[in-house]
Amino acid sequence: MNDQNRVSYDSLVTKVHQQEETITQLLVIIAATNRKLSDLIEAQNQPKHSLTHS
């Protein structure tokens, strides 16, 4: 592998690594969002306590 190809290869490896890190961060965000949505849906489906006035 010549020097120019090595630089191109190293650059691609760096870019792929950065993209993997970005994807990992996005998956963490999606997981947190899904947990929050599940919590909200569960809370919405809970029986509501209503106050009655006599």
PDB file of N, CA and C in Angstrom:
ATOM      1  N   MET A   1       0.865  -1.171   0.000  1.00  0.00           N
ATOM      2  CA  MET A   1       0.000   0.000   0.000  1.00  0.00           C
ATOM      3  C   MET A   1       0.909   1.231   0.000  1.00  0.00           C
ATOM      4  N   ASN A   2       0.671   2.136  -0.971  1.00  0.00           N
ATOM      5  CA  ASN A   2       1.510   3.329  -1.005  1.00  0.00           C
ATOM      6  C   ASN A   2       1.003   4.372  -0.001  1.00  0.00           C
ATOM      7  N   ASP A   3       1.778   5.440   0.160  1.00  0.00           N
ATOM      8  CA  ASP A   3       1.462   6.447   1.177  1.00  0.00           C
ATOM      9  C   ASP A   3       0.108   7.110   0.947  1.00  0.00           C
ATOM     10  N   GLN A   4      -0.227   7.416  -0.289  1.00  0.00           N
ATOM     11  CA  GLN A   4      -1.498   8.083  -0.585  1.00  0.00           C
ATOM     12  C   GLN A   4      -2.672   7.159  -0.258  1.00  0.00           C
ATOM     13  N   ASN A   5      -2.546   5.896  -0.623  1.00  0.00           N
ATOM     14  CA  ASN A   5      -3.605   4.937  -0.301  1.00  0.00           C
ATOM     15  C   ASN A   5      -3.741   4.744   1.203  1.00  0.00           C
ATOM     16  N   ARG A   6      -2.626   4.750   1.898  1.00  0.00           N
ATOM     17  CA  ARG A   6      -2.645   4.577   3.359  1.00  0.00           C
ATOM     18  C   ARG A   6      -3.366   5.750   4.021  1.00  0.00           C
ATOM     19  N   VAL A   7      -3.099   6.974   3.553  1.00  0.00           N
ATOM     20  CA  VAL A   7      -3.758   8.162   4.100  1.00  0.00           C
ATOM     21  C   VAL A   7      -5.257   8.087   3.826  1.00  0.00           C
ATOM     22  N   SER A   8      -5.637   7.688   2.612  1.00  0.00           N
ATOM     23  CA  SER A   8      -7.052   7.564   2.263  1.00  0.00           C
ATOM     24  C   SER A   8      -7.723   6.502   3.128  1.00  0.00           C
ATOM     25  N   TYR A   9      -7.045   5.384   3.311  1.00  0.00           N
ATOM     26  CA  TYR A   9      -7.575   4.302   4.141  1.00  0.00           C
ATOM     27  C   TYR A   9      -7.762   4.769   5.587  1.00  0.00           C
ATOM     28  N   ASP A  10      -6.747   5.397   6.135  1.00  0.00           N
ATOM     29  CA  ASP A  10      -6.821   5.888   7.516  1.00  0.00           C
ATOM     30  C   ASP A  10      -7.954   6.903   7.676  1.00  0.00           C
ATOM     31  N   SER A  11      -8.130   7.754   6.675  1.00  0.00           N
ATOM     32  CA  SER A  11      -9.208   8.737   6.710  1.00  0.00           C
ATOM     33  C   SER A  11     -10.567   8.056   6.717  1.00  0.00           C
ATOM     34  N   LEU A  12     -10.718   7.020   5.897  1.00  0.00           N
ATOM     35  CA  LEU A  12     -11.981   6.278   5.864  1.00  0.00           C
ATOM     36  C   LEU A  12     -12.248   5.561   7.181  1.00  0.00           C
ATOM     37  N   VAL A  13     -11.212   4.989   7.766  1.00  0.00           N
ATOM     38  CA  VAL A  13     -11.363   4.310   9.051  1.00  0.00           C
ATOM     39  C   VAL A  13     -11.820   5.310  10.116  1.00  0.00           C
ATOM     40  N   THR A  14     -11.223   6.490  10.118  1.00  0.00           N
ATOM     41  CA  THR A  14     -11.610   7.531  11.069  1.00  0.00           C
ATOM     42  C   THR A  14     -13.061   7.944  10.869  1.00  0.00           C
ATOM     43  N   LYS A  15     -13.471   8.142   9.625  1.00  0.00           N
ATOM     44  CA  LYS A  15     -14.851   8.541   9.329  1.00  0.00           C
ATOM     45  C   LYS A  15     -15.847   7.468   9.754  1.00  0.00           C
ATOM     46  N   VAL A  16     -15.515   6.213   9.498  1.00  0.00           N
ATOM     47  CA  VAL A  16     -16.403   5.113   9.897  1.00  0.00           C
ATOM     48  C   VAL A  16     -16.523   5.066  11.415  1.00  0.00           C
ATOM     49  N   HIS A  17     -15.421   5.238  12.118  1.00  0.00           N
ATOM     50  CA  HIS A  17     -15.445   5.240  13.579  1.00  0.00           C
ATOM     51  C   HIS A  17     -16.323   6.379  14.106  1.00  0.00           C
ATOM     52  N   GLN A  18     -16.196   7.563  13.517  1.00  0.00           N
ATOM     53  CA  GLN A  18     -17.022   8.701  13.934  1.00  0.00           C
ATOM     54  C   GLN A  18     -18.498   8.414  13.677  1.00  0.00           C
ATOM     55  N   GLN A  19     -18.800   7.795  12.543  1.00  0.00           N
ATOM     56  CA  GLN A  19     -20.188   7.465  12.229  1.00  0.00           C
ATOM     57  C   GLN A  19     -20.732   6.417  13.194  1.00  0.00           C
ATOM     58  N   GLU A  20     -19.905   5.454  13.572  1.00  0.00           N
ATOM     59  CA  GLU A  20     -20.331   4.462  14.553  1.00  0.00           C
ATOM     60  C   GLU A  20     -20.656   5.120  15.887  1.00  0.00           C
ATOM     61  N   GLU A  21     -19.838   6.073  16.304  1.00  0.00           N
ATOM     62  CA  GLU A  21     -20.088   6.789  17.553  1.00  0.00           C
ATOM     63  C   GLU A  21     -21.390   7.588  17.463  1.00  0.00           C
ATOM     64  N   THR A  22     -21.622   8.225  16.323  1.00  0.00           N
ATOM     65  CA  THR A  22     -22.852   8.988  16.130  1.00  0.00           C
ATOM     66  C   THR A  22     -24.061   8.069  16.187  1.00  0.00           C
ATOM     67  N   ILE A  23     -23.986   6.927  15.539  1.00  0.00           N
ATOM     68  CA  ILE A  23     -25.085   5.965  15.548  1.00  0.00           C
ATOM     69  C   ILE A  23     -25.355   5.480  16.971  1.00  0.00           C
ATOM     70  N   THR A  24     -24.294   5.217  17.722  1.00  0.00           N
ATOM     71  CA  THR A  24     -24.455   4.781  19.110  1.00  0.00           C
ATOM     72  C   THR A  24     -25.166   5.854  19.927  1.00  0.00           C
ATOM     73  N   GLN A  25     -24.780   7.102  19.756  1.00  0.00           N
ATOM     74  CA  GLN A  25     -25.429   8.198  20.476  1.00  0.00           C
ATOM     75  C   GLN A  25     -26.899   8.311  20.090  1.00  0.00           C
ATOM     76  N   LEU A  26     -27.205   8.156  18.805  1.00  0.00           N
ATOM     77  CA  LEU A  26     -28.599   8.222  18.351  1.00  0.00           C
ATOM     78  C   LEU A  26     -29.421   7.076  18.941  1.00  0.00           C
ATOM     79  N   LEU A  27     -28.834   5.887  19.028  1.00  0.00           N
ATOM     80  CA  LEU A  27     -29.551   4.759  19.620  1.00  0.00           C
ATOM     81  C   LEU A  27     -29.845   5.001  21.099  1.00  0.00           C
ATOM     82  N   VAL A  28     -28.922   5.622  21.798  1.00  0.00           N
ATOM     83  CA  VAL A  28     -29.142   5.959  23.207  1.00  0.00           C
ATOM     84  C   VAL A  28     -30.295   6.950  23.324  1.00  0.00           C
ATOM     85  N   ILE A  29     -30.324   7.949  22.445  1.00  0.00           N
ATOM     86  CA  ILE A  29     -31.398   8.941  22.452  1.00  0.00           C
ATOM     87  C   ILE A  29     -32.737   8.280  22.141  1.00  0.00           C
ATOM     88  N   ILE A  30     -32.761   7.394  21.151  1.00  0.00           N
ATOM     89  CA  ILE A  30     -33.998   6.694  20.791  1.00  0.00           C
ATOM     90  C   ILE A  30     -34.485   5.834  21.948  1.00  0.00           C
ATOM     91  N   ALA A  31     -33.573   5.132  22.608  1.00  0.00           N
ATOM     92  CA  ALA A  31     -33.957   4.287  23.737  1.00  0.00           C
ATOM     93  C   ALA A  31     -34.554   5.129  24.867  1.00  0.00           C
ATOM     94  N   ALA A  32     -33.952   6.258  25.166  1.00  0.00           N
ATOM     95  CA  ALA A  32     -34.472   7.140  26.216  1.00  0.00           C
ATOM     96  C   ALA A  32     -35.842   7.684  25.832  1.00  0.00           C
ATOM     97  N   THR A  33     -36.011   8.039  24.569  1.00  0.00           N
ATOM     98  CA  THR A  33     -37.296   8.547  24.093  1.00  0.00           C
ATOM     99  C   THR A  33     -38.363   7.459  24.195  1.00  0.00           C
ATOM    100  N   ASN A  34     -38.015   6.239  23.806  1.00  0.00           N
ATOM    101  CA  ASN A  34     -38.968   5.132  23.899  1.00  0.00           C
ATOM    102  C   ASN A  34     -39.377   4.860  25.343  1.00  0.00           C
ATOM    103  N   ARG A  35     -38.404   4.930  26.268  1.00  0.00           N
ATOM    104  CA  ARG A  35     -38.735   4.738  27.686  1.00  0.00           C
ATOM    105  C   ARG A  35     -39.693   5.819  28.163  1.00  0.00           C
ATOM    106  N   LYS A  36     -39.426   7.060  27.779  1.00  0.00           N
ATOM    107  CA  LYS A  36     -40.286   8.169  28.202  1.00  0.00           C
ATOM    108  C   LYS A  36     -41.693   8.011  27.627  1.00  0.00           C
ATOM    109  N   LEU A  37     -41.775   7.632  26.353  1.00  0.00           N
ATOM    110  CA  LEU A  37     -43.086   7.402  25.744  1.00  0.00           C
ATOM    111  C   LEU A  37     -43.824   6.279  26.449  1.00  0.00           C
ATOM    112  N   SER A  38     -43.130   5.207  26.760  1.00  0.00           N
ATOM    113  CA  SER A  38     -43.765   4.096  27.483  1.00  0.00           C
ATOM    114  C   SER A  38     -44.284   4.559  28.837  1.00  0.00           C
ATOM    115  N   ASP A  39     -43.484   5.353  29.543  1.00  0.00           N
ATOM    116  CA  ASP A  39     -43.912   5.877  30.842  1.00  0.00           C
ATOM    117  C   ASP A  39     -45.149   6.760  30.694  1.00  0.00           C
ATOM    118  N   LEU A  40     -45.161   7.613  29.670  1.00  0.00           N
ATOM    119  CA  LEU A  40     -46.304   8.496  29.464  1.00  0.00           C
ATOM    120  C   LEU A  40     -47.564   7.711  29.096  1.00  0.00           C
ATOM    121  N   ILE A  41     -47.409   6.712  28.245  1.00  0.00           N
ATOM    122  CA  ILE A  41     -48.556   5.884  27.852  1.00  0.00           C
ATOM    123  C   ILE A  41     -49.087   5.121  29.058  1.00  0.00           C
ATOM    124  N   GLU A  42     -48.184   4.577  29.858  1.00  0.00           N
ATOM    125  CA  GLU A  42     -48.601   3.848  31.054  1.00  0.00           C
ATOM    126  C   GLU A  42     -49.334   4.776  32.020  1.00  0.00           C
ATOM    127  N   ALA A  43     -48.816   5.977  32.208  1.00  0.00           N
ATOM    128  CA  ALA A  43     -49.457   6.935  33.104  1.00  0.00           C
ATOM    129  C   ALA A  43     -50.829   7.342  32.562  1.00  0.00           C
ATOM    130  N   GLN A  44     -50.931   7.474  31.259  1.00  0.00           N
ATOM    131  CA  GLN A  44     -52.200   7.867  30.651  1.00  0.00           C
ATOM    132  C   GLN A  44     -53.242   6.763  30.803  1.00  0.00           C
ATOM    133  N   ASN A  45     -52.804   5.516  30.805  1.00  0.00           N
ATOM    134  CA  ASN A  45     -53.727   4.392  30.905  1.00  0.00           C
ATOM    135  C   ASN A  45     -54.106   4.044  32.344  1.00  0.00           C
ATOM    136  N   GLN A  46     -53.478   4.678  33.308  1.00  0.00           N
ATOM    137  CA  GLN A  46     -53.821   4.447  34.696  1.00  0.00           C
ATOM    138  C   GLN A  46     -55.197   5.018  34.977  1.00  0.00           C
ATOM    139  N   PRO A  47     -55.973   4.353  35.828  1.00  0.00           N
ATOM    140  CA  PRO A  47     -57.285   4.914  36.181  1.00  0.00           C
ATOM    141  C   PRO A  47     -57.074   6.271  36.866  1.00  0.00           C
ATOM    142  N   LYS A  48     -57.903   7.195  36.473  1.00  0.00           N
ATOM    143  CA  LYS A  48     -57.793   8.540  37.040  1.00  0.00           C
ATOM    144  C   LYS A  48     -58.670   8.643  38.277  1.00  0.00           C
ATOM    145  N   HIS A  49     -58.146   9.322  39.258  1.00  0.00           N
ATOM    146  CA  HIS A  49     -58.914   9.552  40.483  1.00  0.00           C
ATOM    147  C   HIS A  49     -59.657  10.864  40.297  1.00  0.00           C
ATOM    148  N   SER A  50     -60.954  10.784  40.407  1.00  0.00           N
ATOM    149  CA  SER A  50     -61.725  12.017  40.264  1.00  0.00           C
ATOM    150  C   SER A  50     -62.330  12.376  41.615  1.00  0.00           C
ATOM    151  N   LEU A  51     -62.386  13.649  41.845  1.00  0.00           N
ATOM    152  CA  LEU A  51     -62.979  14.150  43.082  1.00  0.00           C
ATOM    153  C   LEU A  51     -64.439  14.472  42.812  1.00  0.00           C
ATOM    154  N   THR A  52     -65.298  14.009  43.703  1.00  0.00           N
ATOM    155  CA  THR A  52     -66.725  14.321  43.549  1.00  0.00           C
ATOM    156  C   THR A  52     -67.138  15.225  44.698  1.00  0.00           C
ATOM    157  N   HIS A  53     -67.933  16.187  44.367  1.00  0.00           N
ATOM    158  CA  HIS A  53     -68.427  17.121  45.377  1.00  0.00           C
ATOM    159  C   HIS A  53     -69.861  16.755  45.697  1.00  0.00           C
ATOM    160  N   SER A  54     -70.195  16.720  46.988  1.00  0.00           N
ATOM    161  CA  SER A  54     -71.569  16.376  47.393  1.00  0.00           C
ATOM    162  C   SER A  54     -72.403  17.618  47.486  1.00  0.00           C
TER     163      SER A  54
END
